[in-house]
């Protein structure tokens, strides 16, 4: 076990002991009726390689805006230049390595989102804690040891080790090309 896994397990263990997490309802129906206010929040990967793949895979996010869906993307300030072709509202945070210093106030904890998507292929406790604080009908993320506590839709990368394939599954959920 490496240091990052140990730190992650320790933090999740402490938060679980404090009864911070609750299980998410697992019964889902995604249709037009289930929309609340057409708001989607997407957390892009904090590491540069995964973020490059995600920015390329999701360059068609503008299609959602044309359909009247308000898409906000949350990403590291260091990687903002990868998203020049995406016209969605950008929420920028400062990070140092795998740690996020602080989230901006634009992420409203009181707001109810239709969907929150975490595109980080590896778990990040700071992003997962923020997602847990937010209210959404659907929370999508990659399957891991801890994902049951955060997401009600989990993408399993064991079928395909390629991020593009996994991102393609998320794009199908969003109904974008």
Foldseek 3Di string as FASTA:
>chain_A
DDPVVVVVVVVVVVCVVVVVFDFDDQDDDDDPVLADQQEEEEEAAADDVRNLLVLVLCLQVVVSVVVVHQYEYEYEPVNVVSNPSPPHHYFYFHDDPLGTPDGDPVPPLPDEGQEYEYLHQDDRVVVQSSQRSHHYPFYEEADDPPCSRRGSHHQYCPVPVDSSVSVVVVCVSVVTD
